[in-house]
Each structure stands twice: as structure tokens, then as C-alpha cells.
Amino acid sequence: MVRKNLPSEGAAEPGAPGWVCVGVVTKPKGVRGEVHIKSFTAAPTDFVAYGPVHRGPDGPVVAFELRGSQRDMVTARVAGVADRNGAEALRGAKLYVPRAALPEVMEDDEYYLTDLVGLAVELVDGTVWGTVHALHNFGAGDILEVARAEGETVMLPFTRETVPVVDIPGGRLVVEPPEEVPGDVSETDDAE
């Protein structure tokens, strides 16, 4: 499983088709309109490398002057923002680029996590189990959020063991849920 350029956190969420979240403004820095940005790109400063960055899907373009980076955090000055109050108003703003602005994947086992949202989720025996609703990373690894037909949502670790097949052209993922996952097929069989 290879992710191309974008880590999962924030990069794969429902409700923004055609757009990829490349970062989020976390807080102001200082008093001159600078902000801290949590970048969701492989190299933190690459969030501006894909062309104009928009505040929200299809929102206004925001221009940044990068000031520095450390791990996945970037410090930047925001064009048109001159003080801390203006920077504070941007707190929590998600930053997007059009999906079409990202480079195409070159290898068969490479993909963008955003391309997984909406794919069918099947069990290894071919049973349809749900749909990919989102992907998350809360710090301990990637998590696949599956919306089940019964209305429940199930979180699965996004690992090769749990997701042995990613078939984007086929529009599906194949999963092997761990035994402790609620809604697992083994629970259904036991209830009968």
C-alpha cells in the first residue's frame, strides 16, 4: 500500500468531491499576521506546490509566504492579513487544492487516499460490507471509516492485514476485519 504525496489525516474526507485538503490553519503566530499550518503533504511545505490554495472547497484563494517548517507544521504569513486578529480569524480554516492539480500516480500500487472515499468495501468472500466514508489519522496510524448499510460506522486500521486489496479501477476495497471489530461477519454468524 503506497500513498502518493498526501498523508491521510484530513486528506480523505467526504463532502468535498474534486478537492483535496492539504492543510489546516491551527493558530496564529505572533502579532504580524502569521499562522501555524498543519500540513497534510509528504513534505510539509508542499501544500503550496500544487497551485492556488483555497480556503474551503471551491472557496477563495489564500496566498502564503512560507516562513519555516518543523515536522508536519509550517509557519506562514498570509497575504492581506496584517495582525493577530486577522490570523485568529483563520483558525481552523481547511486549505484545499483541486484534485486535478495533484501529479498522477505512476505505479499500480500508488494512490491518493482521497481516491478511496466512496469505494465499495467487500469482505474477502465477496460480500458487500459497506462504503469508504473517510480516512483518518489521529496519530497512531491510518484509520478507514466504513459506512455500513445498517447505518452504523465501523473504524478499521488501514493496514495490509486488514485491507489486503485496494482496487481503485474496480471501485472497491477488500477487507478482513479483526475479530474485535463490531459488525464483523463472525458476530452475525454467532447471533443466528
N, C-alpha and C. Protein backbone atom coordinates (compact mmCIF):
# COMPACT_ATOMS: atom_id res chain seq x y z
N MET A 1 0.84 -1.17 0.00
CA MET A 1 0.00 0.00 0.00
C MET A 1 0.89 1.24 0.00
N VAL A 2 0.80 2.02 -1.01
CA VAL A 2 1.62 3.22 -1.09
C VAL A 2 0.72 4.43 -1.23
N ARG A 3 0.96 5.41 -0.40
CA ARG A 3 0.22 6.66 -0.51
C ARG A 3 1.06 7.63 -1.30
N LYS A 4 0.46 8.37 -2.18
CA LYS A 4 1.19 9.32 -3.01
C LYS A 4 1.04 10.72 -2.45
N ASN A 5 2.13 11.32 -2.02
CA ASN A 5 2.26 12.73 -1.62
C ASN A 5 1.45 13.17 -0.41
N LEU A 6 0.29 12.64 -0.19
CA LEU A 6 -0.55 13.16 0.89
C LEU A 6 -0.76 12.12 1.97
N PRO A 7 -0.42 12.44 3.21
CA PRO A 7 -0.82 11.54 4.27
C PRO A 7 -2.33 11.59 4.46
N SER A 8 -2.86 10.71 5.23
CA SER A 8 -4.30 10.55 5.27
C SER A 8 -5.04 11.60 6.06
N GLU A 9 -4.47 12.09 7.15
CA GLU A 9 -5.25 12.95 8.02
C GLU A 9 -5.74 14.17 7.27
N GLY A 10 -7.03 14.34 7.25
CA GLY A 10 -7.61 15.50 6.60
C GLY A 10 -7.66 15.38 5.10
N ALA A 11 -6.88 14.45 4.53
CA ALA A 11 -6.80 14.38 3.10
C ALA A 11 -7.92 13.59 2.48
N ALA A 12 -8.63 12.83 3.23
CA ALA A 12 -9.65 11.97 2.66
C ALA A 12 -10.93 12.09 3.46
N GLU A 13 -11.72 13.06 3.12
CA GLU A 13 -12.95 13.28 3.85
C GLU A 13 -14.11 13.43 2.88
N PRO A 14 -15.32 13.08 3.32
CA PRO A 14 -16.47 13.21 2.44
C PRO A 14 -16.88 14.67 2.29
N GLY A 15 -17.70 14.96 1.30
CA GLY A 15 -18.28 16.28 1.17
C GLY A 15 -17.46 17.27 0.37
N ALA A 16 -16.33 16.86 -0.18
CA ALA A 16 -15.51 17.77 -0.98
C ALA A 16 -15.04 17.07 -2.25
N PRO A 17 -15.98 16.52 -3.04
CA PRO A 17 -15.54 15.81 -4.25
C PRO A 17 -14.78 16.74 -5.19
N GLY A 18 -13.68 16.24 -5.73
CA GLY A 18 -12.87 17.03 -6.63
C GLY A 18 -11.85 17.91 -5.93
N TRP A 19 -11.82 17.89 -4.60
CA TRP A 19 -10.91 18.71 -3.82
C TRP A 19 -10.16 17.85 -2.82
N VAL A 20 -8.94 18.26 -2.48
CA VAL A 20 -8.13 17.56 -1.51
C VAL A 20 -7.68 18.56 -0.45
N CYS A 21 -7.91 18.22 0.81
CA CYS A 21 -7.47 19.07 1.91
C CYS A 21 -5.98 18.84 2.11
N VAL A 22 -5.18 19.91 1.95
CA VAL A 22 -3.73 19.79 2.06
C VAL A 22 -3.19 20.38 3.35
N GLY A 23 -4.07 20.97 4.17
CA GLY A 23 -3.62 21.52 5.43
C GLY A 23 -4.75 22.22 6.16
N VAL A 24 -4.45 22.63 7.40
CA VAL A 24 -5.42 23.36 8.21
C VAL A 24 -4.66 24.39 9.06
N VAL A 25 -5.23 25.58 9.14
CA VAL A 25 -4.63 26.62 9.98
C VAL A 25 -4.94 26.26 11.43
N THR A 26 -3.89 26.12 12.25
CA THR A 26 -4.12 25.69 13.63
C THR A 26 -4.22 26.85 14.61
N LYS A 27 -3.37 27.89 14.42
CA LYS A 27 -3.41 29.03 15.34
C LYS A 27 -2.55 30.15 14.79
N PRO A 28 -2.74 31.37 15.34
CA PRO A 28 -1.88 32.48 14.94
C PRO A 28 -0.49 32.34 15.54
N LYS A 29 0.47 33.02 14.93
CA LYS A 29 1.82 33.09 15.49
C LYS A 29 2.23 34.55 15.52
N GLY A 30 2.46 35.05 16.69
CA GLY A 30 2.90 36.43 16.83
C GLY A 30 1.79 37.43 16.56
N VAL A 31 2.18 38.66 16.22
CA VAL A 31 1.21 39.74 16.07
C VAL A 31 1.19 40.34 14.67
N ARG A 32 1.91 39.74 13.72
CA ARG A 32 2.01 40.33 12.38
C ARG A 32 1.29 39.52 11.29
N GLY A 33 0.29 38.76 11.65
CA GLY A 33 -0.50 38.05 10.65
C GLY A 33 0.06 36.71 10.22
N GLU A 34 0.96 36.15 10.99
CA GLU A 34 1.48 34.82 10.67
C GLU A 34 0.63 33.76 11.35
N VAL A 35 0.62 32.57 10.74
CA VAL A 35 -0.16 31.45 11.28
C VAL A 35 0.68 30.17 11.27
N HIS A 36 0.26 29.23 12.10
CA HIS A 36 0.78 27.87 12.06
C HIS A 36 -0.19 27.05 11.23
N ILE A 37 0.35 26.23 10.34
CA ILE A 37 -0.47 25.38 9.48
C ILE A 37 -0.01 23.95 9.65
N LYS A 38 -0.95 23.07 9.92
CA LYS A 38 -0.64 21.63 9.93
C LYS A 38 -0.78 21.17 8.49
N SER A 39 0.34 20.74 7.91
CA SER A 39 0.36 20.33 6.51
C SER A 39 0.06 18.84 6.40
N PHE A 40 -0.72 18.48 5.40
CA PHE A 40 -1.04 17.08 5.15
C PHE A 40 -0.28 16.53 3.95
N THR A 41 0.74 17.23 3.49
CA THR A 41 1.53 16.76 2.36
C THR A 41 2.78 16.06 2.86
N ALA A 42 3.37 15.21 2.03
CA ALA A 42 4.54 14.43 2.44
C ALA A 42 5.68 15.34 2.90
N ALA A 43 5.98 16.37 2.12
CA ALA A 43 6.92 17.40 2.56
C ALA A 43 6.05 18.56 3.02
N PRO A 44 6.16 19.00 4.27
CA PRO A 44 5.23 19.98 4.82
C PRO A 44 5.01 21.23 3.97
N THR A 45 6.05 21.73 3.33
CA THR A 45 5.89 22.96 2.55
C THR A 45 5.25 22.72 1.18
N ASP A 46 5.02 21.48 0.81
CA ASP A 46 4.43 21.18 -0.50
C ASP A 46 2.95 21.55 -0.59
N PHE A 47 2.32 21.92 0.51
CA PHE A 47 0.90 22.24 0.41
C PHE A 47 0.65 23.42 -0.53
N VAL A 48 1.69 24.22 -0.80
CA VAL A 48 1.55 25.33 -1.76
C VAL A 48 2.11 24.96 -3.14
N ALA A 49 2.61 23.75 -3.30
CA ALA A 49 3.26 23.35 -4.55
C ALA A 49 2.28 22.94 -5.65
N TYR A 50 1.01 22.79 -5.32
CA TYR A 50 0.05 22.29 -6.31
C TYR A 50 -0.80 23.39 -6.93
N GLY A 51 -0.35 24.63 -6.80
CA GLY A 51 -1.09 25.74 -7.36
C GLY A 51 -1.84 26.49 -6.27
N PRO A 52 -2.81 27.31 -6.66
CA PRO A 52 -3.54 28.12 -5.68
C PRO A 52 -4.20 27.27 -4.59
N VAL A 53 -4.06 27.75 -3.36
CA VAL A 53 -4.65 27.08 -2.21
C VAL A 53 -5.95 27.83 -1.88
N HIS A 54 -7.02 27.08 -1.69
CA HIS A 54 -8.33 27.66 -1.43
C HIS A 54 -8.73 27.46 0.03
N ARG A 55 -9.43 28.43 0.56
CA ARG A 55 -9.99 28.31 1.91
C ARG A 55 -11.34 27.63 1.77
N GLY A 56 -11.34 26.33 2.00
CA GLY A 56 -12.54 25.52 1.81
C GLY A 56 -12.65 25.09 0.36
N PRO A 57 -13.38 24.00 0.11
CA PRO A 57 -13.55 23.55 -1.27
C PRO A 57 -14.19 24.66 -2.10
N ASP A 58 -13.57 24.98 -3.20
CA ASP A 58 -14.08 25.98 -4.13
C ASP A 58 -14.22 27.36 -3.49
N GLY A 59 -13.49 27.58 -2.38
CA GLY A 59 -13.55 28.86 -1.66
C GLY A 59 -12.53 29.83 -2.22
N PRO A 60 -12.38 30.98 -1.55
CA PRO A 60 -11.43 31.98 -2.03
C PRO A 60 -9.98 31.50 -1.94
N VAL A 61 -9.16 31.99 -2.85
CA VAL A 61 -7.73 31.65 -2.86
C VAL A 61 -7.04 32.40 -1.73
N VAL A 62 -6.14 31.69 -1.04
CA VAL A 62 -5.36 32.28 0.04
C VAL A 62 -3.89 32.16 -0.37
N ALA A 63 -3.18 33.28 -0.34
CA ALA A 63 -1.76 33.27 -0.69
C ALA A 63 -0.92 33.26 0.58
N PHE A 64 0.14 32.46 0.57
CA PHE A 64 1.01 32.32 1.72
C PHE A 64 2.45 32.65 1.37
N GLU A 65 3.17 33.21 2.32
CA GLU A 65 4.61 33.37 2.23
C GLU A 65 5.18 32.49 3.34
N LEU A 66 5.80 31.39 2.94
CA LEU A 66 6.30 30.43 3.91
C LEU A 66 7.45 31.04 4.70
N ARG A 67 7.42 30.80 6.02
CA ARG A 67 8.45 31.33 6.92
C ARG A 67 9.33 30.24 7.51
N GLY A 68 8.81 29.03 7.62
CA GLY A 68 9.59 27.94 8.18
C GLY A 68 8.73 26.71 8.37
N SER A 69 9.37 25.58 8.68
CA SER A 69 8.61 24.35 8.92
C SER A 69 9.36 23.49 9.91
N GLN A 70 8.59 22.66 10.60
CA GLN A 70 9.14 21.69 11.53
C GLN A 70 8.18 20.52 11.56
N ARG A 71 8.66 19.33 11.25
CA ARG A 71 7.83 18.13 11.12
C ARG A 71 6.69 18.41 10.16
N ASP A 72 5.44 18.28 10.61
CA ASP A 72 4.30 18.50 9.71
C ASP A 72 3.68 19.89 9.88
N MET A 73 4.36 20.77 10.61
CA MET A 73 3.86 22.13 10.84
C MET A 73 4.65 23.15 10.01
N VAL A 74 3.91 24.13 9.49
CA VAL A 74 4.51 25.19 8.69
C VAL A 74 4.11 26.52 9.31
N THR A 75 5.04 27.47 9.31
CA THR A 75 4.72 28.84 9.71
C THR A 75 4.67 29.66 8.43
N ALA A 76 3.61 30.46 8.28
CA ALA A 76 3.47 31.24 7.05
C ALA A 76 2.81 32.58 7.34
N ARG A 77 3.13 33.54 6.52
CA ARG A 77 2.45 34.83 6.54
C ARG A 77 1.34 34.75 5.51
N VAL A 78 0.17 35.27 5.86
CA VAL A 78 -0.99 35.20 4.98
C VAL A 78 -1.15 36.55 4.29
N ALA A 79 -1.23 36.54 2.97
CA ALA A 79 -1.41 37.78 2.21
C ALA A 79 -2.70 38.46 2.64
N GLY A 80 -2.62 39.75 2.91
CA GLY A 80 -3.80 40.52 3.29
C GLY A 80 -4.13 40.47 4.77
N VAL A 81 -3.35 39.73 5.54
CA VAL A 81 -3.57 39.64 6.98
C VAL A 81 -2.39 40.31 7.66
N ALA A 82 -2.66 41.38 8.42
CA ALA A 82 -1.58 42.19 8.97
C ALA A 82 -1.41 42.10 10.48
N ASP A 83 -2.37 41.44 11.17
CA ASP A 83 -2.27 41.42 12.63
C ASP A 83 -2.79 40.09 13.18
N ARG A 84 -2.66 39.95 14.48
CA ARG A 84 -3.05 38.71 15.16
C ARG A 84 -4.55 38.46 15.03
N ASN A 85 -5.36 39.50 15.09
CA ASN A 85 -6.82 39.31 14.97
C ASN A 85 -7.19 38.70 13.62
N GLY A 86 -6.56 39.18 12.57
CA GLY A 86 -6.81 38.61 11.24
C GLY A 86 -6.36 37.16 11.15
N ALA A 87 -5.21 36.87 11.76
CA ALA A 87 -4.70 35.50 11.77
C ALA A 87 -5.61 34.61 12.61
N GLU A 88 -6.10 35.13 13.73
CA GLU A 88 -7.02 34.36 14.60
C GLU A 88 -8.29 33.98 13.85
N ALA A 89 -8.76 34.87 12.98
CA ALA A 89 -9.98 34.59 12.21
C ALA A 89 -9.81 33.40 11.26
N LEU A 90 -8.57 33.04 10.95
CA LEU A 90 -8.31 31.90 10.07
C LEU A 90 -8.18 30.58 10.82
N ARG A 91 -8.17 30.64 12.15
CA ARG A 91 -8.00 29.41 12.94
C ARG A 91 -9.04 28.37 12.52
N GLY A 92 -8.57 27.16 12.24
CA GLY A 92 -9.45 26.07 11.85
C GLY A 92 -9.79 26.02 10.37
N ALA A 93 -9.34 27.00 9.59
CA ALA A 93 -9.63 27.01 8.15
C ALA A 93 -8.92 25.84 7.47
N LYS A 94 -9.68 25.03 6.76
CA LYS A 94 -9.09 23.94 5.99
C LYS A 94 -8.66 24.48 4.64
N LEU A 95 -7.52 24.02 4.18
CA LEU A 95 -6.92 24.51 2.94
C LEU A 95 -6.98 23.42 1.87
N TYR A 96 -7.52 23.76 0.72
CA TYR A 96 -7.77 22.78 -0.33
C TYR A 96 -7.10 23.16 -1.64
N VAL A 97 -6.82 22.13 -2.44
CA VAL A 97 -6.43 22.30 -3.84
C VAL A 97 -7.32 21.37 -4.65
N PRO A 98 -7.53 21.70 -5.93
CA PRO A 98 -8.31 20.78 -6.78
C PRO A 98 -7.58 19.45 -6.93
N ARG A 99 -8.31 18.36 -6.90
CA ARG A 99 -7.72 17.02 -7.07
C ARG A 99 -6.93 16.95 -8.37
N ALA A 100 -7.42 17.63 -9.41
CA ALA A 100 -6.76 17.60 -10.71
C ALA A 100 -5.37 18.25 -10.68
N ALA A 101 -5.07 19.04 -9.65
CA ALA A 101 -3.76 19.71 -9.56
C ALA A 101 -2.67 18.77 -9.06
N LEU A 102 -3.04 17.64 -8.51
CA LEU A 102 -2.05 16.70 -7.98
C LEU A 102 -1.42 15.90 -9.10
N PRO A 103 -0.14 15.56 -8.98
CA PRO A 103 0.50 14.74 -10.02
C PRO A 103 -0.17 13.37 -10.11
N GLU A 104 -0.19 12.83 -11.31
CA GLU A 104 -0.77 11.49 -11.48
C GLU A 104 0.14 10.45 -10.84
N VAL A 105 -0.47 9.39 -10.33
CA VAL A 105 0.31 8.31 -9.75
C VAL A 105 0.95 7.52 -10.88
N MET A 106 2.13 7.01 -10.63
CA MET A 106 2.90 6.36 -11.69
C MET A 106 2.91 4.83 -11.59
N GLU A 107 2.68 4.31 -10.41
CA GLU A 107 2.78 2.87 -10.22
C GLU A 107 1.43 2.29 -9.86
N ASP A 108 1.24 1.00 -10.13
CA ASP A 108 -0.05 0.35 -9.88
C ASP A 108 -0.45 0.36 -8.42
N ASP A 109 0.53 0.27 -7.51
CA ASP A 109 0.18 0.21 -6.09
C ASP A 109 0.27 1.57 -5.41
N GLU A 110 0.29 2.66 -6.20
CA GLU A 110 0.26 4.01 -5.64
C GLU A 110 -1.13 4.60 -5.83
N TYR A 111 -1.55 5.40 -4.86
CA TYR A 111 -2.84 6.07 -4.97
C TYR A 111 -2.89 7.18 -3.94
N TYR A 112 -3.83 8.08 -4.13
CA TYR A 112 -4.11 9.11 -3.14
C TYR A 112 -5.22 8.59 -2.25
N LEU A 113 -5.10 8.80 -0.95
CA LEU A 113 -6.13 8.34 -0.03
C LEU A 113 -7.48 8.95 -0.35
N THR A 114 -7.49 10.17 -0.85
CA THR A 114 -8.76 10.81 -1.19
C THR A 114 -9.52 10.02 -2.26
N ASP A 115 -8.80 9.27 -3.10
CA ASP A 115 -9.45 8.48 -4.14
C ASP A 115 -10.16 7.25 -3.60
N LEU A 116 -9.95 6.93 -2.32
CA LEU A 116 -10.62 5.77 -1.72
C LEU A 116 -12.03 6.09 -1.22
N VAL A 117 -12.29 7.36 -0.92
CA VAL A 117 -13.59 7.75 -0.38
C VAL A 117 -14.67 7.44 -1.42
N GLY A 118 -15.69 6.71 -0.98
CA GLY A 118 -16.80 6.33 -1.85
C GLY A 118 -16.67 4.94 -2.45
N LEU A 119 -15.51 4.30 -2.31
CA LEU A 119 -15.35 2.95 -2.85
C LEU A 119 -16.16 1.94 -2.04
N ALA A 120 -16.62 0.90 -2.72
CA ALA A 120 -17.31 -0.20 -2.05
C ALA A 120 -16.30 -0.96 -1.18
N VAL A 121 -16.77 -1.46 -0.05
CA VAL A 121 -15.94 -2.28 0.83
C VAL A 121 -16.53 -3.68 0.84
N GLU A 122 -15.70 -4.65 0.46
CA GLU A 122 -16.13 -6.04 0.40
C GLU A 122 -15.30 -6.87 1.37
N LEU A 123 -15.92 -7.95 1.86
CA LEU A 123 -15.17 -8.93 2.64
C LEU A 123 -14.41 -9.82 1.68
N VAL A 124 -13.48 -10.62 2.18
CA VAL A 124 -12.66 -11.47 1.32
C VAL A 124 -13.50 -12.49 0.55
N ASP A 125 -14.69 -12.83 1.05
CA ASP A 125 -15.55 -13.77 0.33
C ASP A 125 -16.43 -13.09 -0.72
N GLY A 126 -16.27 -11.76 -0.91
CA GLY A 126 -17.03 -11.03 -1.92
C GLY A 126 -18.29 -10.37 -1.41
N THR A 127 -18.64 -10.60 -0.14
CA THR A 127 -19.82 -9.98 0.45
C THR A 127 -19.62 -8.47 0.56
N VAL A 128 -20.60 -7.69 0.08
CA VAL A 128 -20.51 -6.24 0.22
C VAL A 128 -20.70 -5.91 1.68
N TRP A 129 -19.78 -5.14 2.25
CA TRP A 129 -19.77 -4.87 3.68
C TRP A 129 -20.06 -3.41 4.01
N GLY A 130 -19.87 -2.50 3.03
CA GLY A 130 -20.11 -1.08 3.27
C GLY A 130 -19.46 -0.23 2.21
N THR A 131 -19.23 1.04 2.57
CA THR A 131 -18.62 2.03 1.67
C THR A 131 -17.60 2.83 2.46
N VAL A 132 -16.49 3.19 1.82
CA VAL A 132 -15.49 4.03 2.48
C VAL A 132 -16.10 5.42 2.65
N HIS A 133 -16.20 5.84 3.90
CA HIS A 133 -16.76 7.16 4.21
C HIS A 133 -15.65 8.20 4.36
N ALA A 134 -14.53 7.80 4.98
CA ALA A 134 -13.41 8.73 5.20
C ALA A 134 -12.20 7.94 5.65
N LEU A 135 -11.06 8.60 5.66
CA LEU A 135 -9.84 8.06 6.25
C LEU A 135 -9.34 9.09 7.24
N HIS A 136 -8.82 8.60 8.37
CA HIS A 136 -8.36 9.48 9.44
C HIS A 136 -6.99 9.03 9.90
N ASN A 137 -6.30 9.93 10.57
CA ASN A 137 -5.08 9.58 11.27
C ASN A 137 -5.05 10.44 12.52
N PHE A 138 -5.30 9.81 13.66
CA PHE A 138 -5.33 10.52 14.93
C PHE A 138 -3.99 10.45 15.65
N GLY A 139 -2.96 9.96 14.93
CA GLY A 139 -1.62 9.92 15.49
C GLY A 139 -1.04 8.54 15.63
N ALA A 140 -1.87 7.51 15.60
CA ALA A 140 -1.36 6.15 15.79
C ALA A 140 -1.44 5.32 14.52
N GLY A 141 -1.71 5.93 13.40
CA GLY A 141 -1.81 5.21 12.13
C GLY A 141 -3.10 5.54 11.41
N ASP A 142 -3.16 5.14 10.16
CA ASP A 142 -4.33 5.44 9.34
C ASP A 142 -5.52 4.57 9.75
N ILE A 143 -6.69 5.19 9.75
CA ILE A 143 -7.94 4.52 10.13
C ILE A 143 -8.93 4.68 8.98
N LEU A 144 -9.51 3.59 8.55
CA LEU A 144 -10.52 3.57 7.50
C LEU A 144 -11.89 3.62 8.15
N GLU A 145 -12.70 4.60 7.78
CA GLU A 145 -14.07 4.71 8.31
C GLU A 145 -15.02 4.13 7.26
N VAL A 146 -15.73 3.07 7.64
CA VAL A 146 -16.63 2.36 6.73
C VAL A 146 -18.06 2.61 7.16
N ALA A 147 -18.88 3.11 6.24
CA ALA A 147 -20.32 3.28 6.49
C ALA A 147 -20.99 1.98 6.08
N ARG A 148 -21.65 1.34 7.05
CA ARG A 148 -22.34 0.08 6.79
C ARG A 148 -23.77 0.33 6.34
N ALA A 149 -24.35 -0.59 5.62
CA ALA A 149 -25.72 -0.46 5.13
C ALA A 149 -26.72 -0.36 6.28
N GLU A 150 -26.38 -0.94 7.43
CA GLU A 150 -27.28 -0.92 8.58
C GLU A 150 -27.30 0.44 9.27
N GLY A 151 -26.50 1.38 8.76
CA GLY A 151 -26.47 2.70 9.34
C GLY A 151 -25.34 2.93 10.34
N GLU A 152 -24.63 1.89 10.71
CA GLU A 152 -23.53 2.05 11.65
C GLU A 152 -22.24 2.42 10.91
N THR A 153 -21.31 2.95 11.64
CA THR A 153 -19.99 3.26 11.10
C THR A 153 -18.97 2.41 11.85
N VAL A 154 -18.05 1.83 11.09
CA VAL A 154 -17.02 0.97 11.67
C VAL A 154 -15.66 1.55 11.30
N MET A 155 -14.78 1.60 12.28
CA MET A 155 -13.40 2.06 12.06
C MET A 155 -12.49 0.84 11.99
N LEU A 156 -11.65 0.80 10.96
CA LEU A 156 -10.70 -0.30 10.77
C LEU A 156 -9.30 0.27 10.62
N PRO A 157 -8.30 -0.44 11.15
CA PRO A 157 -6.93 0.00 10.88
C PRO A 157 -6.65 -0.15 9.39
N PHE A 158 -6.05 0.85 8.79
CA PHE A 158 -5.76 0.79 7.36
C PHE A 158 -4.37 0.21 7.17
N THR A 159 -4.31 -1.13 7.26
CA THR A 159 -3.05 -1.87 7.12
C THR A 159 -3.23 -2.93 6.05
N ARG A 160 -2.13 -3.51 5.59
CA ARG A 160 -2.22 -4.59 4.59
C ARG A 160 -2.98 -5.80 5.13
N GLU A 161 -2.85 -6.06 6.43
CA GLU A 161 -3.54 -7.20 7.02
C GLU A 161 -5.05 -7.01 6.98
N THR A 162 -5.51 -5.81 7.28
CA THR A 162 -6.95 -5.53 7.33
C THR A 162 -7.50 -5.19 5.95
N VAL A 163 -6.71 -4.53 5.12
CA VAL A 163 -7.15 -4.15 3.77
C VAL A 163 -6.15 -4.74 2.78
N PRO A 164 -6.31 -6.05 2.46
CA PRO A 164 -5.34 -6.69 1.58
C PRO A 164 -5.44 -6.27 0.11
N VAL A 165 -6.60 -5.73 -0.30
CA VAL A 165 -6.78 -5.36 -1.71
C VAL A 165 -7.33 -3.94 -1.81
N VAL A 166 -6.64 -3.10 -2.57
CA VAL A 166 -7.13 -1.78 -2.94
C VAL A 166 -7.26 -1.80 -4.45
N ASP A 167 -8.50 -1.79 -4.94
CA ASP A 167 -8.78 -1.90 -6.37
C ASP A 167 -9.54 -0.65 -6.81
N ILE A 168 -8.79 0.43 -7.05
CA ILE A 168 -9.44 1.70 -7.43
C ILE A 168 -10.13 1.58 -8.78
N PRO A 169 -9.50 0.98 -9.81
CA PRO A 169 -10.22 0.86 -11.08
C PRO A 169 -11.51 0.04 -10.95
N GLY A 170 -11.49 -0.95 -10.04
CA GLY A 170 -12.68 -1.79 -9.81
C GLY A 170 -13.67 -1.16 -8.84
N GLY A 171 -13.29 -0.02 -8.24
CA GLY A 171 -14.20 0.70 -7.34
C GLY A 171 -14.43 0.00 -6.01
N ARG A 172 -13.39 -0.71 -5.50
CA ARG A 172 -13.62 -1.46 -4.26
C ARG A 172 -12.34 -1.64 -3.45
N LEU A 173 -12.56 -1.90 -2.16
CA LEU A 173 -11.52 -2.37 -1.24
C LEU A 173 -11.97 -3.72 -0.73
N VAL A 174 -11.04 -4.60 -0.48
CA VAL A 174 -11.36 -5.86 0.17
C VAL A 174 -10.79 -5.78 1.58
N VAL A 175 -11.63 -6.09 2.58
CA VAL A 175 -11.20 -6.00 3.97
C VAL A 175 -11.33 -7.34 4.67
N GLU A 176 -10.51 -7.50 5.66
CA GLU A 176 -10.57 -8.65 6.56
C GLU A 176 -10.59 -8.07 7.97
N PRO A 177 -11.81 -7.71 8.47
CA PRO A 177 -11.89 -7.03 9.78
C PRO A 177 -11.33 -7.89 10.90
N PRO A 178 -10.60 -7.27 11.83
CA PRO A 178 -10.14 -8.01 13.01
C PRO A 178 -11.34 -8.54 13.78
N GLU A 179 -11.14 -9.61 14.52
CA GLU A 179 -12.23 -10.25 15.26
C GLU A 179 -12.95 -9.31 16.22
N GLU A 180 -12.24 -8.36 16.80
CA GLU A 180 -12.84 -7.48 17.80
C GLU A 180 -13.67 -6.34 17.21
N VAL A 181 -13.73 -6.24 15.88
CA VAL A 181 -14.47 -5.15 15.25
C VAL A 181 -15.98 -5.44 15.32
N PRO A 182 -16.76 -4.50 15.89
CA PRO A 182 -18.21 -4.69 15.91
C PRO A 182 -18.76 -4.76 14.49
N GLY A 183 -19.75 -5.61 14.29
CA GLY A 183 -20.34 -5.73 12.97
C GLY A 183 -19.60 -6.71 12.09
N ASP A 184 -18.58 -7.37 12.65
CA ASP A 184 -17.83 -8.34 11.88
C ASP A 184 -18.75 -9.51 11.53
N VAL A 185 -18.45 -10.18 10.44
CA VAL A 185 -19.26 -11.29 9.97
C VAL A 185 -19.36 -12.38 11.02
N SER A 186 -18.29 -12.62 11.78
CA SER A 186 -18.32 -13.67 12.80
C SER A 186 -19.37 -13.37 13.86
N GLU A 187 -19.60 -12.09 14.18
CA GLU A 187 -20.65 -11.74 15.14
C GLU A 187 -22.03 -12.08 14.59
N THR A 188 -22.24 -11.79 13.29
CA THR A 188 -23.51 -12.07 12.67
C THR A 188 -23.79 -13.56 12.67
N ASP A 189 -22.74 -14.36 12.34
CA ASP A 189 -22.90 -15.80 12.33
C ASP A 189 -23.23 -16.34 13.72
N ASP A 190 -22.61 -15.79 14.76
CA ASP A 190 -22.85 -16.26 16.12
C ASP A 190 -24.26 -15.96 16.58
N ALA A 191 -24.85 -14.87 16.08
CA ALA A 191 -26.16 -14.46 16.53
C ALA A 191 -27.27 -15.34 15.96
N GLU A 192 -26.97 -16.05 14.88
CA GLU A 192 -28.02 -16.86 14.24
C GLU A 192 -28.26 -18.17 14.94
